[in-house]
């Protein structure tokens, strides 16, 4: 009886770790998707180049941390998530397409119940004249 109870406790602990990892992976994916969509809504060039607060894809810094308060709406949730997750954005020019195309990588890192650090990332490409510009180029 003692062997059955002790082995079931180990199985339950393993199950909780797997459940925690699945939930956090889903949240990390939501953070990545939310930030990618926010960037997708930005214009390529700033509307007012003299305004340093004007955001655009072409003026994003090469590397920057992402403020999770822009992704999670409530203060309680933001405090909880900000303590568990860190998110960064890396922006690079695509080789041979400098000034026309950017590669943007969002990386989310968190520590699970098991104490192991987990990381998820996604890369998207943004073009100056839109996604389908290559169909409309002149010969």
Protein backbone atom coordinates (compact mmCIF):
# COMPACT_ATOMS: atom_id res chain seq x y z
CA UNK A 1 0.00 0.00 0.00
CA UNK A 2 2.85 2.40 0.87
CA UNK A 3 4.54 1.75 -2.50
CA UNK A 4 1.30 2.50 -4.37
CA UNK A 5 0.72 5.76 -2.49
CA UNK A 6 4.32 6.97 -2.83
CA UNK A 7 4.45 6.17 -6.57
CA UNK A 8 1.11 7.92 -7.15
CA UNK A 9 2.48 11.07 -5.48
CA UNK A 10 5.42 11.05 -7.90
CA UNK A 11 3.05 10.62 -10.84
CA UNK A 12 0.87 13.50 -9.62
CA UNK A 13 3.92 15.77 -9.23
CA UNK A 14 5.08 14.91 -12.76
CA UNK A 15 1.58 15.61 -14.06
CA UNK A 16 1.52 19.03 -12.38
CA UNK A 17 4.89 19.90 -13.91
CA UNK A 18 3.66 18.89 -17.37
CA UNK A 19 0.45 20.88 -16.89
CA UNK A 20 2.43 23.94 -15.75
CA UNK A 21 4.72 23.64 -18.77
CA UNK A 22 1.74 23.37 -21.14
CA UNK A 23 0.01 26.42 -19.64
CA UNK A 24 3.17 28.51 -19.72
CA UNK A 25 3.94 27.47 -23.29
CA UNK A 26 0.44 28.61 -24.29
CA UNK A 27 0.91 31.93 -22.50
CA UNK A 28 4.32 32.40 -24.14
CA UNK A 29 2.74 31.77 -27.55
CA UNK A 30 0.04 34.34 -26.78
CA UNK A 31 2.67 36.90 -25.78
CA UNK A 32 4.59 36.27 -29.01
CA UNK A 33 1.45 36.47 -31.16
CA UNK A 34 0.26 39.64 -29.45
CA UNK A 35 3.59 41.41 -29.96
CA UNK A 36 3.83 40.27 -33.61
CA UNK A 37 0.32 41.61 -34.26
CA UNK A 38 1.15 44.90 -32.54
CA UNK A 39 4.22 45.33 -34.76
CA UNK A 40 2.22 44.32 -37.84
CA UNK A 41 -0.06 47.31 -37.22
CA UNK A 42 2.88 49.76 -37.25
CA UNK A 43 3.70 51.75 -40.36
CA UNK A 44 7.04 51.05 -42.04
CA UNK A 45 8.25 54.66 -41.70
CA UNK A 46 7.44 57.09 -38.88
CA UNK A 47 4.59 59.50 -39.61
CA UNK A 48 6.65 62.34 -38.12
CA UNK A 49 10.43 61.66 -38.42
CA UNK A 50 11.23 64.55 -36.05
CA UNK A 51 9.11 63.00 -33.26
CA UNK A 52 11.29 60.55 -31.25
CA UNK A 53 8.18 58.85 -29.79
CA UNK A 54 6.80 58.01 -33.24
CA UNK A 55 6.98 54.21 -33.58
CA UNK A 56 7.50 52.40 -36.87
CA UNK A 57 8.98 49.12 -38.07
CA UNK A 58 12.01 50.83 -39.64
CA UNK A 59 12.90 52.63 -36.39
CA UNK A 60 12.61 49.68 -33.99
CA UNK A 61 15.80 49.21 -31.94
CA UNK A 62 18.01 46.21 -32.75
CA UNK A 63 17.18 44.59 -29.40
CA UNK A 64 14.68 45.59 -26.74
CA UNK A 65 12.75 44.14 -23.83
CA UNK A 66 8.98 43.98 -24.22
CA UNK A 67 6.76 45.50 -21.55
CA UNK A 68 4.20 42.86 -20.66
CA UNK A 69 1.72 45.45 -19.38
CA UNK A 70 0.88 46.21 -23.02
CA UNK A 71 -0.13 42.56 -23.52
CA UNK A 72 -1.93 41.64 -20.29
CA UNK A 73 -4.85 43.97 -19.57
CA UNK A 74 -5.35 43.77 -15.80
CA UNK A 75 -2.89 44.99 -13.18
CA UNK A 76 -3.10 41.77 -11.16
CA UNK A 77 -2.41 39.61 -14.19
CA UNK A 78 0.39 41.92 -15.33
CA UNK A 79 2.10 41.70 -11.94
CA UNK A 80 1.80 37.90 -11.91
CA UNK A 81 2.99 37.43 -15.48
CA UNK A 82 5.76 40.03 -15.32
CA UNK A 83 7.25 38.13 -12.41
CA UNK A 84 7.28 34.86 -14.38
CA UNK A 85 7.91 35.84 -18.00
CA UNK A 86 10.47 37.99 -19.75
CA UNK A 87 10.10 38.88 -23.41
CA UNK A 88 12.60 40.41 -25.82
CA UNK A 89 12.46 41.56 -29.42
CA UNK A 90 15.39 41.38 -31.86
CA UNK A 91 15.23 43.24 -35.18
CA UNK A 92 17.65 42.63 -38.07
CA UNK A 93 17.81 43.70 -41.68
CA UNK A 94 17.37 40.74 -44.03
CA UNK A 95 20.58 40.01 -45.94
CA UNK A 96 20.51 41.75 -49.33
CA UNK A 97 17.32 43.65 -48.44
CA UNK A 98 18.60 46.30 -46.02
CA UNK A 99 16.07 49.10 -45.67
CA UNK A 100 13.41 47.03 -47.42
CA UNK A 101 12.86 44.00 -45.21
CA UNK A 102 13.25 43.25 -41.49
CA UNK A 103 13.47 39.99 -39.60
CA UNK A 104 11.83 40.30 -36.18
CA UNK A 105 12.31 37.62 -33.52
CA UNK A 106 10.28 37.59 -30.32
CA UNK A 107 11.67 35.43 -27.49
CA UNK A 108 9.82 34.62 -24.26
CA UNK A 109 11.59 33.02 -21.29
CA UNK A 110 10.16 31.73 -18.01
CA UNK A 111 11.04 29.40 -15.15
CA UNK A 112 8.71 26.43 -14.59
CA UNK A 113 7.66 24.71 -11.38
CA UNK A 114 10.55 22.31 -11.86
CA UNK A 115 13.03 25.22 -11.74
CA UNK A 116 14.06 24.74 -15.36
CA UNK A 117 14.22 27.80 -17.60
CA UNK A 118 12.08 27.41 -20.73
CA UNK A 119 12.26 29.52 -23.89
CA UNK A 120 9.97 29.92 -26.88
CA UNK A 121 10.61 32.19 -29.86
CA UNK A 122 9.14 33.06 -33.22
CA UNK A 123 10.52 34.97 -36.21
CA UNK A 124 8.51 37.03 -38.67
CA UNK A 125 9.52 39.03 -41.72
CA UNK A 126 8.20 42.52 -42.49
CA UNK A 127 8.53 44.18 -45.90
CA UNK A 128 8.60 47.89 -46.61
CA UNK A 129 5.80 47.77 -49.19
CA UNK A 130 3.80 44.94 -47.66
CA UNK A 131 3.77 41.17 -47.75
CA UNK A 132 2.75 40.78 -51.38
CA UNK A 133 4.98 43.46 -52.90
CA UNK A 134 6.96 40.92 -54.94
CA UNK A 135 3.88 40.29 -57.12
CA UNK A 136 3.73 43.92 -58.22
CA UNK A 137 7.35 44.74 -59.02
CA UNK A 138 8.10 46.21 -62.41
CA UNK A 139 10.34 44.32 -64.84
